[in-house]
């Protein structure tokens, strides 16, 4: 188990002014607990061993005395972006009647990508280590996703660049979507990938996040292989489970390739999928999702040997921390 923790230590220096030592890092729960023990008593005396209780305490939903954990709804615990357009929340009542030259203000920019550092070895199982809160924030719901994968065949061709190092792994990577301008991880958009970057996994992620998007919005979807993925997306979505295609198709959907990735594409892709062609795109580069992977990378060494449930909850914690820091930093 791994946490992203922030600990504050109050000291009283000779000057009389109180100072604070704040530290945060991708550490295992065991090392964090050991650090708490040393902060309490650093002369080698062992107090009561509460590590098991601590491990249980940090899993699941807390601070809610009026509801059962089982009553938590899908995506309910996700920290959502307050800056992206949401009709009835932060848009004027007449937003759909806006002048066409200003309508770009109501585009929703999304970005999809996968991280091949976030693997999981073939250890434990869903029976031995079920998720206590999978589906309540950023990961998709376990059971319907597993049922969907049973029907996936090789016709959903994988992006084969990262498939040769899959032996011994139950999960070879993680895929997700963020809002491309503010970099918030979208609710119920995180999926495990079992063999390379298969379109089926990405399709499911995209359809799942649409539950939290108003169907009247125009969407701009960024993805480094969008030129291939978008070709059969509509056909694939028609065969998706009802849970993840209720808002399909959106009113309109535009596809782009992130600006840093675009030069690696052929000339026809560079012309067709360039963000600079979109009115109102401004300096949006579509690469914000890569900054999120830089934040998540250090936790990979801890999560690759975890059971499926524990791993999901740890990654959800880190995604939540990322979104919370984004939320509190929007003003700056």
C-alpha atoms as a PDB file:
ATOM      1  CA  UNK A   1       0.000   0.000   0.000  1.00  0.00           C
ATOM      2  CA  UNK A   2       1.283   3.461  -0.871  1.00  0.00           C
ATOM      3  CA  UNK A   3       0.107   6.887   0.121  1.00  0.00           C
ATOM      4  CA  UNK A   4       0.695  10.474  -0.825  1.00  0.00           C
ATOM      5  CA  UNK A   5       0.927  12.035   2.582  1.00  0.00           C
ATOM      6  CA  UNK A   6       1.511  15.527   3.874  1.00  0.00           C
ATOM      7  CA  UNK A   7       2.726  15.749   7.451  1.00  0.00           C
ATOM      8  CA  UNK A   8       3.147  18.963   9.427  1.00  0.00           C
ATOM      9  CA  UNK A   9       5.449  19.096  12.436  1.00  0.00           C
ATOM     10  CA  UNK A  10       5.129  22.024  14.818  1.00  0.00           C
ATOM     11  CA  UNK A  11       8.309  23.218  16.520  1.00  0.00           C
ATOM     12  CA  UNK A  12       8.938  25.967  19.039  1.00  0.00           C
ATOM     13  CA  UNK A  13      12.377  27.490  18.296  1.00  0.00           C
ATOM     14  CA  UNK A  14      14.242  29.765  20.682  1.00  0.00           C
ATOM     15  CA  UNK A  15      12.883  32.834  18.869  1.00  0.00           C
ATOM     16  CA  UNK A  16       9.428  31.950  20.095  1.00  0.00           C
ATOM     17  CA  UNK A  17       8.026  31.857  16.573  1.00  0.00           C
ATOM     18  CA  UNK A  18       6.316  28.654  15.521  1.00  0.00           C
ATOM     19  CA  UNK A  19       7.690  26.998  12.376  1.00  0.00           C
ATOM     20  CA  UNK A  20       6.369  24.200  10.219  1.00  0.00           C
ATOM     21  CA  UNK A  21       8.143  21.371   8.471  1.00  0.00           C
ATOM     22  CA  UNK A  22       5.912  20.035   5.731  1.00  0.00           C
ATOM     23  CA  UNK A  23       6.907  16.967   3.750  1.00  0.00           C
ATOM     24  CA  UNK A  24       5.146  14.875   1.168  1.00  0.00           C
ATOM     25  CA  UNK A  25       6.210  11.926  -0.922  1.00  0.00           C
ATOM     26  CA  UNK A  26       5.268   8.662  -2.587  1.00  0.00           C
ATOM     27  CA  UNK A  27       5.977   6.364   0.363  1.00  0.00           C
ATOM     28  CA  UNK A  28       4.550   2.998   1.360  1.00  0.00           C
ATOM     29  CA  UNK A  29       2.046   2.864   4.186  1.00  0.00           C
ATOM     30  CA  UNK A  30       4.531   0.779   6.211  1.00  0.00           C
ATOM     31  CA  UNK A  31       7.284   3.389   5.921  1.00  0.00           C
ATOM     32  CA  UNK A  32       4.840   6.188   6.699  1.00  0.00           C
ATOM     33  CA  UNK A  33       3.632   4.355   9.795  1.00  0.00           C
ATOM     34  CA  UNK A  34       7.233   3.732  10.848  1.00  0.00           C
ATOM     35  CA  UNK A  35       7.868   7.451  10.460  1.00  0.00           C
ATOM     36  CA  UNK A  36       4.916   8.228  12.735  1.00  0.00           C
ATOM     37  CA  UNK A  37       6.341   5.856  15.353  1.00  0.00           C
ATOM     38  CA  UNK A  38       9.695   7.633  15.263  1.00  0.00           C
ATOM     39  CA  UNK A  39       8.010  11.042  15.541  1.00  0.00           C
ATOM     40  CA  UNK A  40       6.241   9.735  18.651  1.00  0.00           C
ATOM     41  CA  UNK A  41       9.265   8.057  20.228  1.00  0.00           C
ATOM     42  CA  UNK A  42      12.674   7.907  18.556  1.00  0.00           C
ATOM     43  CA  UNK A  43      14.656   6.157  21.295  1.00  0.00           C
ATOM     44  CA  UNK A  44      13.752   2.632  20.213  1.00  0.00           C
ATOM     45  CA  UNK A  45      10.884   1.960  22.611  1.00  0.00           C
ATOM     46  CA  UNK A  46       8.012   0.204  20.864  1.00  0.00           C
ATOM     47  CA  UNK A  47       4.487   1.285  21.632  1.00  0.00           C
ATOM     48  CA  UNK A  48       1.270  -0.555  20.741  1.00  0.00           C
ATOM     49  CA  UNK A  49       1.384  -2.014  17.208  1.00  0.00           C
ATOM     50  CA  UNK A  50      -1.492  -0.375  15.317  1.00  0.00           C
ATOM     51  CA  UNK A  51      -0.264  -1.004  11.774  1.00  0.00           C
ATOM     52  CA  UNK A  52      -3.132  -3.363  10.850  1.00  0.00           C
ATOM     53  CA  UNK A  53      -5.690  -0.905  12.185  1.00  0.00           C
ATOM     54  CA  UNK A  54      -3.974   1.898  10.263  1.00  0.00           C
ATOM     55  CA  UNK A  55      -4.065  -0.161   7.046  1.00  0.00           C
ATOM     56  CA  UNK A  56      -7.794  -0.738   7.416  1.00  0.00           C
ATOM     57  CA  UNK A  57      -8.491   2.883   8.331  1.00  0.00           C
ATOM     58  CA  UNK A  58      -7.028   4.343   5.144  1.00  0.00           C
ATOM     59  CA  UNK A  59      -9.160   2.179   2.830  1.00  0.00           C
ATOM     60  CA  UNK A  60     -12.702   3.112   1.895  1.00  0.00           C
ATOM     61  CA  UNK A  61     -14.869   6.145   2.600  1.00  0.00           C
ATOM     62  CA  UNK A  62     -14.674   8.163   5.794  1.00  0.00           C
ATOM     63  CA  UNK A  63     -16.176  11.272   7.415  1.00  0.00           C
ATOM     64  CA  UNK A  64     -19.720  10.204   6.611  1.00  0.00           C
ATOM     65  CA  UNK A  65     -21.741   8.928   9.545  1.00  0.00           C
ATOM     66  CA  UNK A  66     -25.107   9.005   7.747  1.00  0.00           C
ATOM     67  CA  UNK A  67     -24.518   6.520   4.903  1.00  0.00           C
ATOM     68  CA  UNK A  68     -23.037   3.099   4.343  1.00  0.00           C
ATOM     69  CA  UNK A  69     -19.957   2.686   2.184  1.00  0.00           C
ATOM     70  CA  UNK A  70     -22.006   0.397  -0.063  1.00  0.00           C
ATOM     71  CA  UNK A  71     -24.377   3.290  -0.803  1.00  0.00           C
ATOM     72  CA  UNK A  72     -21.629   5.375  -2.417  1.00  0.00           C
ATOM     73  CA  UNK A  73     -22.551   6.095  -6.047  1.00  0.00           C
ATOM     74  CA  UNK A  74     -20.265   5.701  -9.044  1.00  0.00           C
ATOM     75  CA  UNK A  75     -17.857   8.608  -9.378  1.00  0.00           C
ATOM     76  CA  UNK A  76     -19.280  10.309  -6.284  1.00  0.00           C
ATOM     77  CA  UNK A  77     -15.923  10.646  -4.512  1.00  0.00           C
ATOM     78  CA  UNK A  78     -14.092  12.152  -7.493  1.00  0.00           C
ATOM     79  CA  UNK A  79     -12.876  15.742  -7.208  1.00  0.00           C
ATOM     80  CA  UNK A  80     -14.220  17.350 -10.380  1.00  0.00           C
ATOM     81  CA  UNK A  81     -13.022  20.370 -12.316  1.00  0.00           C
ATOM     82  CA  UNK A  82     -14.969  23.550 -11.538  1.00  0.00           C
ATOM     83  CA  UNK A  83     -13.602  25.449 -14.544  1.00  0.00           C
ATOM     84  CA  UNK A  84     -14.754  23.191 -17.384  1.00  0.00           C
ATOM     85  CA  UNK A  85     -18.138  24.100 -18.922  1.00  0.00           C
ATOM     86  CA  UNK A  86     -21.145  22.581 -17.146  1.00  0.00           C
ATOM     87  CA  UNK A  87     -24.637  23.769 -18.204  1.00  0.00           C
ATOM     88  CA  UNK A  88     -26.712  24.748 -15.200  1.00  0.00           C
ATOM     89  CA  UNK A  89     -23.573  25.196 -13.084  1.00  0.00           C
ATOM     90  CA  UNK A  90     -21.144  27.711 -14.575  1.00  0.00           C
ATOM     91  CA  UNK A  91     -22.686  28.654 -17.955  1.00  0.00           C
ATOM     92  CA  UNK A  92     -25.274  31.377 -18.686  1.00  0.00           C
ATOM     93  CA  UNK A  93     -28.817  30.175 -19.324  1.00  0.00           C
ATOM     94  CA  UNK A  94     -28.640  31.293 -22.956  1.00  0.00           C
ATOM     95  CA  UNK A  95     -25.241  29.765 -23.726  1.00  0.00           C
ATOM     96  CA  UNK A  96     -26.596  27.780 -26.686  1.00  0.00           C
ATOM     97  CA  UNK A  97     -27.707  31.006 -28.370  1.00  0.00           C
ATOM     98  CA  UNK A  98     -24.247  32.585 -28.166  1.00  0.00           C
ATOM     99  CA  UNK A  99     -22.764  34.149 -31.286  1.00  0.00           C
ATOM    100  CA  UNK A 100     -20.910  31.532 -33.339  1.00  0.00           C
ATOM    101  CA  UNK A 101     -17.651  33.451 -33.132  1.00  0.00           C
ATOM    102  CA  UNK A 102     -17.737  33.131 -29.321  1.00  0.00           C
ATOM    103  CA  UNK A 103     -19.109  29.603 -29.083  1.00  0.00           C
ATOM    104  CA  UNK A 104     -15.611  28.208 -28.591  1.00  0.00           C
ATOM    105  CA  UNK A 105     -15.895  29.307 -24.956  1.00  0.00           C
ATOM    106  CA  UNK A 106     -18.232  26.378 -24.392  1.00  0.00           C
ATOM    107  CA  UNK A 107     -16.035  23.638 -25.883  1.00  0.00           C
ATOM    108  CA  UNK A 108     -14.968  20.879 -23.501  1.00  0.00           C
ATOM    109  CA  UNK A 109     -11.358  19.820 -24.119  1.00  0.00           C
ATOM    110  CA  UNK A 110     -10.478  16.230 -23.176  1.00  0.00           C
ATOM    111  CA  UNK A 111      -7.257  14.224 -23.435  1.00  0.00           C
ATOM    112  CA  UNK A 112      -6.762  10.451 -23.351  1.00  0.00           C
ATOM    113  CA  UNK A 113      -3.525   8.533 -22.799  1.00  0.00           C
ATOM    114  CA  UNK A 114      -1.970   5.445 -21.188  1.00  0.00           C
ATOM    115  CA  UNK A 115       0.945   4.982 -18.780  1.00  0.00           C
ATOM    116  CA  UNK A 116       3.003   1.813 -19.166  1.00  0.00           C
ATOM    117  CA  UNK A 117       4.819   2.248 -15.856  1.00  0.00           C
ATOM    118  CA  UNK A 118       1.668   1.452 -13.876  1.00  0.00           C
ATOM    119  CA  UNK A 119       1.808  -2.326 -14.325  1.00  0.00           C
ATOM    120  CA  UNK A 120       0.637  -5.032 -11.920  1.00  0.00           C
ATOM    121  CA  UNK A 121       2.243  -8.424 -11.515  1.00  0.00           C
ATOM    122  CA  UNK A 122       0.284 -11.667 -11.579  1.00  0.00           C
ATOM    123  CA  UNK A 123      -0.239 -11.702  -7.810  1.00  0.00           C
ATOM    124  CA  UNK A 124      -3.290 -12.102  -5.568  1.00  0.00           C
ATOM    125  CA  UNK A 125      -6.811 -12.049  -7.052  1.00  0.00           C
ATOM    126  CA  UNK A 126     -10.175 -10.274  -6.915  1.00  0.00           C
ATOM    127  CA  UNK A 127     -11.360 -12.901  -4.414  1.00  0.00           C
ATOM    128  CA  UNK A 128      -8.422 -12.433  -2.028  1.00  0.00           C
ATOM    129  CA  UNK A 129      -8.172  -8.660  -2.465  1.00  0.00           C
ATOM    130  CA  UNK A 130     -11.425  -7.105  -3.678  1.00  0.00           C
ATOM    131  CA  UNK A 131     -11.667  -3.355  -4.092  1.00  0.00           C
ATOM    132  CA  UNK A 132     -13.655  -1.652  -1.342  1.00  0.00           C
ATOM    133  CA  UNK A 133     -14.254   1.518  -3.318  1.00  0.00           C
ATOM    134  CA  UNK A 134     -13.376   0.786  -6.955  1.00  0.00           C
ATOM    135  CA  UNK A 135     -15.778   2.742  -9.161  1.00  0.00           C
ATOM    136  CA  UNK A 136     -16.636   5.358  -6.571  1.00  0.00           C
ATOM    137  CA  UNK A 137     -14.105   7.877  -7.873  1.00  0.00           C
ATOM    138  CA  UNK A 138     -11.702   7.499 -10.835  1.00  0.00           C
ATOM    139  CA  UNK A 139     -11.483   3.835 -11.797  1.00  0.00           C
ATOM    140  CA  UNK A 140     -14.394   2.320 -13.711  1.00  0.00           C
ATOM    141  CA  UNK A 141     -16.630  -0.133 -11.903  1.00  0.00           C
ATOM    142  CA  UNK A 142     -14.928  -3.536 -11.722  1.00  0.00           C
ATOM    143  CA  UNK A 143     -17.712  -6.004 -12.499  1.00  0.00           C
ATOM    144  CA  UNK A 144     -19.201  -4.460 -15.682  1.00  0.00           C
ATOM    145  CA  UNK A 145     -15.694  -3.736 -17.011  1.00  0.00           C
ATOM    146  CA  UNK A 146     -14.614  -7.368 -16.523  1.00  0.00           C
ATOM    147  CA  UNK A 147     -17.795  -8.572 -18.217  1.00  0.00           C
ATOM    148  CA  UNK A 148     -17.117  -6.290 -21.170  1.00  0.00           C
ATOM    149  CA  UNK A 149     -13.547  -7.555 -21.543  1.00  0.00           C
ATOM    150  CA  UNK A 150     -14.750 -11.164 -21.790  1.00  0.00           C
ATOM    151  CA  UNK A 151     -16.286 -10.333 -25.143  1.00  0.00           C
ATOM    152  CA  UNK A 152     -13.287  -8.436 -26.529  1.00  0.00           C
ATOM    153  CA  UNK A 153     -11.604 -10.195 -29.441  1.00  0.00           C
ATOM    154  CA  UNK A 154      -8.513  -9.461 -31.507  1.00  0.00           C
ATOM    155  CA  UNK A 155     -10.583  -7.398 -33.929  1.00  0.00           C
ATOM    156  CA  UNK A 156      -9.967  -4.528 -31.517  1.00  0.00           C
ATOM    157  CA  UNK A 157      -6.357  -4.316 -32.594  1.00  0.00           C
ATOM    158  CA  UNK A 158      -3.774  -3.330 -29.993  1.00  0.00           C
ATOM    159  CA  UNK A 159      -1.301  -0.519 -30.351  1.00  0.00           C
ATOM    160  CA  UNK A 160       1.575  -2.986 -30.381  1.00  0.00           C
ATOM    161  CA  UNK A 161       4.493  -0.780 -29.339  1.00  0.00           C
ATOM    162  CA  UNK A 162       4.253  -1.807 -25.691  1.00  0.00           C
ATOM    163  CA  UNK A 163       3.039  -5.408 -25.802  1.00  0.00           C
ATOM    164  CA  UNK A 164       6.306  -7.372 -25.785  1.00  0.00           C
ATOM    165  CA  UNK A 165       6.966  -6.808 -22.064  1.00  0.00           C
ATOM    166  CA  UNK A 166       3.596  -8.150 -20.859  1.00  0.00           C
ATOM    167  CA  UNK A 167       4.698 -11.604 -19.653  1.00  0.00           C
ATOM    168  CA  UNK A 168       4.161 -12.057 -15.914  1.00  0.00           C
ATOM    169  CA  UNK A 169       1.813  -9.082 -15.628  1.00  0.00           C
ATOM    170  CA  UNK A 170      -1.920  -9.081 -14.966  1.00  0.00           C
ATOM    171  CA  UNK A 171      -2.088  -5.421 -16.044  1.00  0.00           C
ATOM    172  CA  UNK A 172       0.385  -3.847 -18.442  1.00  0.00           C
ATOM    173  CA  UNK A 173      -0.700  -0.227 -18.055  1.00  0.00           C
ATOM    174  CA  UNK A 174      -3.393   2.233 -17.033  1.00  0.00           C
ATOM    175  CA  UNK A 175      -5.407   4.471 -19.347  1.00  0.00           C
ATOM    176  CA  UNK A 176      -7.452   7.514 -18.425  1.00  0.00           C
ATOM    177  CA  UNK A 177      -8.883  10.838 -19.553  1.00  0.00           C
ATOM    178  CA  UNK A 178      -8.338  14.330 -18.197  1.00  0.00           C
ATOM    179  CA  UNK A 179      -9.845  17.690 -19.033  1.00  0.00           C
ATOM    180  CA  UNK A 180      -7.120  18.919 -21.359  1.00  0.00           C
ATOM    181  CA  UNK A 181      -7.048  22.523 -20.164  1.00  0.00           C
ATOM    182  CA  UNK A 182      -7.041  22.009 -16.407  1.00  0.00           C
ATOM    183  CA  UNK A 183      -5.660  18.450 -16.174  1.00  0.00           C
ATOM    184  CA  UNK A 184      -8.243  16.989 -13.790  1.00  0.00           C
ATOM    185  CA  UNK A 185      -8.601  13.212 -13.972  1.00  0.00           C
ATOM    186  CA  UNK A 186     -12.184  12.560 -15.147  1.00  0.00           C
ATOM    187  CA  UNK A 187     -14.531  10.490 -12.935  1.00  0.00           C
ATOM    188  CA  UNK A 188     -14.827   6.802 -13.866  1.00  0.00           C
ATOM    189  CA  UNK A 189     -12.358   7.194 -16.745  1.00  0.00           C
ATOM    190  CA  UNK A 190      -9.434   5.093 -15.437  1.00  0.00           C
ATOM    191  CA  UNK A 191      -9.100   1.583 -16.879  1.00  0.00           C
ATOM    192  CA  UNK A 192      -6.554  -1.210 -16.578  1.00  0.00           C
ATOM    193  CA  UNK A 193      -5.031  -2.452 -19.841  1.00  0.00           C
ATOM    194  CA  UNK A 194      -4.199  -6.135 -20.107  1.00  0.00           C
ATOM    195  CA  UNK A 195      -2.203  -6.284 -23.332  1.00  0.00           C
ATOM    196  CA  UNK A 196      -0.870  -3.142 -24.921  1.00  0.00           C
ATOM    197  CA  UNK A 197      -3.021  -0.159 -25.809  1.00  0.00           C
ATOM    198  CA  UNK A 198      -6.088  -1.925 -27.179  1.00  0.00           C
ATOM    199  CA  UNK A 199      -8.817   0.268 -28.628  1.00  0.00           C
ATOM    200  CA  UNK A 200     -11.464  -1.631 -26.641  1.00  0.00           C
ATOM    201  CA  UNK A 201     -10.025  -0.470 -23.299  1.00  0.00           C
ATOM    202  CA  UNK A 202      -9.770   3.138 -24.466  1.00  0.00           C
ATOM    203  CA  UNK A 203     -13.286   3.009 -25.930  1.00  0.00           C
ATOM    204  CA  UNK A 204     -14.632   1.912 -22.555  1.00  0.00           C
ATOM    205  CA  UNK A 205     -12.780   4.707 -20.744  1.00  0.00           C
ATOM    206  CA  UNK A 206     -14.127   7.305 -23.153  1.00  0.00           C
ATOM    207  CA  UNK A 207     -17.701   6.045 -22.983  1.00  0.00           C
ATOM    208  CA  UNK A 208     -17.568   5.846 -19.194  1.00  0.00           C
ATOM    209  CA  UNK A 209     -16.492   9.457 -18.693  1.00  0.00           C
ATOM    210  CA  UNK A 210     -19.291  10.692 -21.001  1.00  0.00           C
ATOM    211  CA  UNK A 211     -21.696   9.981 -18.130  1.00  0.00           C
ATOM    212  CA  UNK A 212     -20.330  13.147 -16.522  1.00  0.00           C
ATOM    213  CA  UNK A 213     -20.445  15.307 -19.660  1.00  0.00           C
ATOM    214  CA  UNK A 214     -23.527  17.215 -20.789  1.00  0.00           C
ATOM    215  CA  UNK A 215     -24.460  15.814 -24.235  1.00  0.00           C
ATOM    216  CA  UNK A 216     -25.149  19.328 -25.540  1.00  0.00           C
ATOM    217  CA  UNK A 217     -21.489  20.331 -25.277  1.00  0.00           C
ATOM    218  CA  UNK A 218     -19.104  20.217 -28.205  1.00  0.00           C
ATOM    219  CA  UNK A 219     -16.143  17.976 -27.339  1.00  0.00           C
ATOM    220  CA  UNK A 220     -12.526  18.256 -28.436  1.00  0.00           C
ATOM    221  CA  UNK A 221     -10.800  14.889 -27.895  1.00  0.00           C
ATOM    222  CA  UNK A 222      -7.004  14.764 -27.822  1.00  0.00           C
ATOM    223  CA  UNK A 223      -5.112  11.463 -28.095  1.00  0.00           C
ATOM    224  CA  UNK A 224      -1.660  10.716 -29.479  1.00  0.00           C
ATOM    225  CA  UNK A 225      -3.031   8.018 -31.828  1.00  0.00           C
ATOM    226  CA  UNK A 226      -6.401   9.668 -32.452  1.00  0.00           C
ATOM    227  CA  UNK A 227      -5.868   9.416 -36.221  1.00  0.00           C
ATOM    228  CA  UNK A 228      -6.263   5.618 -35.926  1.00  0.00           C
ATOM    229  CA  UNK A 229      -8.536   5.354 -32.901  1.00  0.00           C
ATOM    230  CA  UNK A 230     -11.181   7.744 -34.269  1.00  0.00           C
ATOM    231  CA  UNK A 231     -11.692   5.808 -37.520  1.00  0.00           C
ATOM    232  CA  UNK A 232     -13.866   3.083 -35.998  1.00  0.00           C
ATOM    233  CA  UNK A 233     -14.873   4.735 -32.726  1.00  0.00           C
ATOM    234  CA  UNK A 234     -18.509   5.219 -33.726  1.00  0.00           C
ATOM    235  CA  UNK A 235     -18.821   1.595 -34.828  1.00  0.00           C
ATOM    236  CA  UNK A 236     -17.168   0.338 -31.620  1.00  0.00           C
ATOM    237  CA  UNK A 237     -19.380   2.475 -29.387  1.00  0.00           C
ATOM    238  CA  UNK A 238     -22.538   0.970 -30.890  1.00  0.00           C
ATOM    239  CA  UNK A 239     -21.578  -2.398 -29.408  1.00  0.00           C
ATOM    240  CA  UNK A 240     -20.592  -1.085 -25.971  1.00  0.00           C
ATOM    241  CA  UNK A 241     -22.564  -1.969 -22.806  1.00  0.00           C
ATOM    242  CA  UNK A 242     -25.476   0.350 -22.044  1.00  0.00           C
ATOM    243  CA  UNK A 243     -23.667   1.712 -18.959  1.00  0.00           C
ATOM    244  CA  UNK A 244     -20.994   3.444 -21.038  1.00  0.00           C
ATOM    245  CA  UNK A 245     -22.908   4.519 -24.126  1.00  0.00           C
ATOM    246  CA  UNK A 246     -25.896   6.325 -22.618  1.00  0.00           C
ATOM    247  CA  UNK A 247     -24.516   9.730 -23.694  1.00  0.00           C
ATOM    248  CA  UNK A 248     -23.224   8.532 -27.062  1.00  0.00           C
ATOM    249  CA  UNK A 249     -23.023  10.156 -29.504  1.00  0.00           C
ATOM    250  CA  UNK A 250     -22.231  13.650 -28.199  1.00  0.00           C
ATOM    251  CA  UNK A 251     -23.675  16.597 -30.119  1.00  0.00           C
ATOM    252  CA  UNK A 252     -20.364  17.049 -31.927  1.00  0.00           C
ATOM    253  CA  UNK A 253     -16.892  15.626 -31.479  1.00  0.00           C
ATOM    254  CA  UNK A 254     -13.606  16.976 -32.840  1.00  0.00           C
ATOM    255  CA  UNK A 255     -10.361  14.995 -32.835  1.00  0.00           C
ATOM    256  CA  UNK A 256      -6.831  16.381 -32.437  1.00  0.00           C
ATOM    257  CA  UNK A 257      -3.321  15.089 -31.772  1.00  0.00           C
ATOM    258  CA  UNK A 258      -1.333  16.713 -28.916  1.00  0.00           C
ATOM    259  CA  UNK A 259       1.122  19.268 -30.251  1.00  0.00           C
ATOM    260  CA  UNK A 260       4.309  17.589 -28.993  1.00  0.00           C
ATOM    261  CA  UNK A 261       3.286  14.252 -30.550  1.00  0.00           C
ATOM    262  CA  UNK A 262       2.061  15.646 -33.858  1.00  0.00           C
ATOM    263  CA  UNK A 263       5.491  16.016 -35.594  1.00  0.00           C
ATOM    264  CA  UNK A 264       5.926  12.220 -35.331  1.00  0.00           C
ATOM    265  CA  UNK A 265       2.852  11.738 -37.545  1.00  0.00           C
ATOM    266  CA  UNK A 266       2.718  11.814 -41.325  1.00  0.00           C
ATOM    267  CA  UNK A 267       1.985  15.090 -43.091  1.00  0.00           C
ATOM    268  CA  UNK A 268      -1.713  14.374 -43.707  1.00  0.00           C
ATOM    269  CA  UNK A 269      -2.240  13.814 -39.936  1.00  0.00           C
ATOM    270  CA  UNK A 270      -0.387  17.015 -39.107  1.00  0.00           C
ATOM    271  CA  UNK A 271      -2.718  18.971 -41.358  1.00  0.00           C
ATOM    272  CA  UNK A 272      -5.949  17.266 -40.260  1.00  0.00           C
ATOM    273  CA  UNK A 273      -5.456  16.963 -36.496  1.00  0.00           C
ATOM    274  CA  UNK A 274      -3.644  20.213 -35.620  1.00  0.00           C
ATOM    275  CA  UNK A 275      -4.995  22.030 -32.564  1.00  0.00           C
ATOM    276  CA  UNK A 276      -4.106  25.408 -34.072  1.00  0.00           C
ATOM    277  CA  UNK A 277      -6.910  24.993 -36.619  1.00  0.00           C
ATOM    278  CA  UNK A 278      -9.581  25.052 -33.888  1.00  0.00           C
ATOM    279  CA  UNK A 279     -11.110  28.497 -33.185  1.00  0.00           C
ATOM    280  CA  UNK A 280     -10.513  29.414 -29.553  1.00  0.00           C
ATOM    281  CA  UNK A 281      -7.960  26.672 -28.889  1.00  0.00           C
ATOM    282  CA  UNK A 282      -5.420  29.355 -28.039  1.00  0.00           C
ATOM    283  CA  UNK A 283      -2.291  27.878 -26.464  1.00  0.00           C
ATOM    284  CA  UNK A 284      -3.937  24.572 -25.524  1.00  0.00           C
ATOM    285  CA  UNK A 285      -1.409  21.848 -26.343  1.00  0.00           C
ATOM    286  CA  UNK A 286      -3.273  18.678 -25.302  1.00  0.00           C
ATOM    287  CA  UNK A 287      -0.159  17.465 -23.476  1.00  0.00           C
ATOM    288  CA  UNK A 288      -1.382  18.133 -19.939  1.00  0.00           C
ATOM    289  CA  UNK A 289      -2.073  14.452 -19.368  1.00  0.00           C
ATOM    290  CA  UNK A 290       1.680  13.782 -19.616  1.00  0.00           C
ATOM    291  CA  UNK A 291       2.283  16.020 -16.602  1.00  0.00           C
ATOM    292  CA  UNK A 292      -0.145  13.855 -14.645  1.00  0.00           C
ATOM    293  CA  UNK A 293       1.850  10.749 -15.556  1.00  0.00           C
ATOM    294  CA  UNK A 294       4.989  12.411 -14.215  1.00  0.00           C
ATOM    295  CA  UNK A 295       3.141  12.813 -10.914  1.00  0.00           C
ATOM    296  CA  UNK A 296       1.960   9.181 -10.881  1.00  0.00           C
ATOM    297  CA  UNK A 297       5.183   7.506 -12.051  1.00  0.00           C
ATOM    298  CA  UNK A 298       6.910   7.289  -8.641  1.00  0.00           C
ATOM    299  CA  UNK A 299       4.079   5.201  -7.191  1.00  0.00           C
ATOM    300  CA  UNK A 300       4.590   2.441  -9.782  1.00  0.00           C
ATOM    301  CA  UNK A 301       7.220   0.560  -7.778  1.00  0.00           C
ATOM    302  CA  UNK A 302       4.791   0.199  -4.864  1.00  0.00           C
ATOM    303  CA  UNK A 303       1.634  -0.699  -6.767  1.00  0.00           C
ATOM    304  CA  UNK A 304       3.008  -3.286  -9.206  1.00  0.00           C
ATOM    305  CA  UNK A 305       3.119  -5.976  -6.480  1.00  0.00           C
ATOM    306  CA  UNK A 306      -0.243  -5.160  -4.903  1.00  0.00           C
ATOM    307  CA  UNK A 307      -3.481  -7.070  -5.176  1.00  0.00           C
ATOM    308  CA  UNK A 308      -6.114  -5.616  -7.515  1.00  0.00           C
ATOM    309  CA  UNK A 309      -8.324  -3.987  -4.894  1.00  0.00           C
ATOM    310  CA  UNK A 310      -5.549  -2.414  -2.852  1.00  0.00           C
ATOM    311  CA  UNK A 311      -3.871  -1.103  -6.006  1.00  0.00           C
ATOM    312  CA  UNK A 312      -7.047   0.530  -7.278  1.00  0.00           C
ATOM    313  CA  UNK A 313      -7.642   2.310  -4.002  1.00  0.00           C
ATOM    314  CA  UNK A 314      -4.052   3.541  -3.752  1.00  0.00           C
ATOM    315  CA  UNK A 315      -4.094   4.891  -7.314  1.00  0.00           C
ATOM    316  CA  UNK A 316      -7.485   6.491  -6.679  1.00  0.00           C
ATOM    317  CA  UNK A 317      -5.968   8.228  -3.635  1.00  0.00           C
ATOM    318  CA  UNK A 318      -3.186   9.650  -5.761  1.00  0.00           C
ATOM    319  CA  UNK A 319      -5.529  10.750  -8.538  1.00  0.00           C
ATOM    320  CA  UNK A 320      -7.680  12.438  -5.896  1.00  0.00           C
ATOM    321  CA  UNK A 321      -4.683  14.223  -4.448  1.00  0.00           C
ATOM    322  CA  UNK A 322      -3.672  15.403  -7.928  1.00  0.00           C
ATOM    323  CA  UNK A 323      -7.181  16.765  -8.587  1.00  0.00           C
ATOM    324  CA  UNK A 324      -7.376  18.430  -5.183  1.00  0.00           C
ATOM    325  CA  UNK A 325      -4.076  20.237  -5.693  1.00  0.00           C
ATOM    326  CA  UNK A 326      -5.294  21.336  -9.122  1.00  0.00           C
ATOM    327  CA  UNK A 327      -8.573  22.558  -7.623  1.00  0.00           C
ATOM    328  CA  UNK A 328      -6.977  24.593  -4.860  1.00  0.00           C
ATOM    329  CA  UNK A 329      -4.414  26.017  -7.300  1.00  0.00           C
ATOM    330  CA  UNK A 330      -6.847  27.222  -9.981  1.00  0.00           C
ATOM    331  CA  UNK A 331      -6.918  30.752  -8.581  1.00  0.00           C
ATOM    332  CA  UNK A 332      -3.176  31.100  -8.933  1.00  0.00           C
END
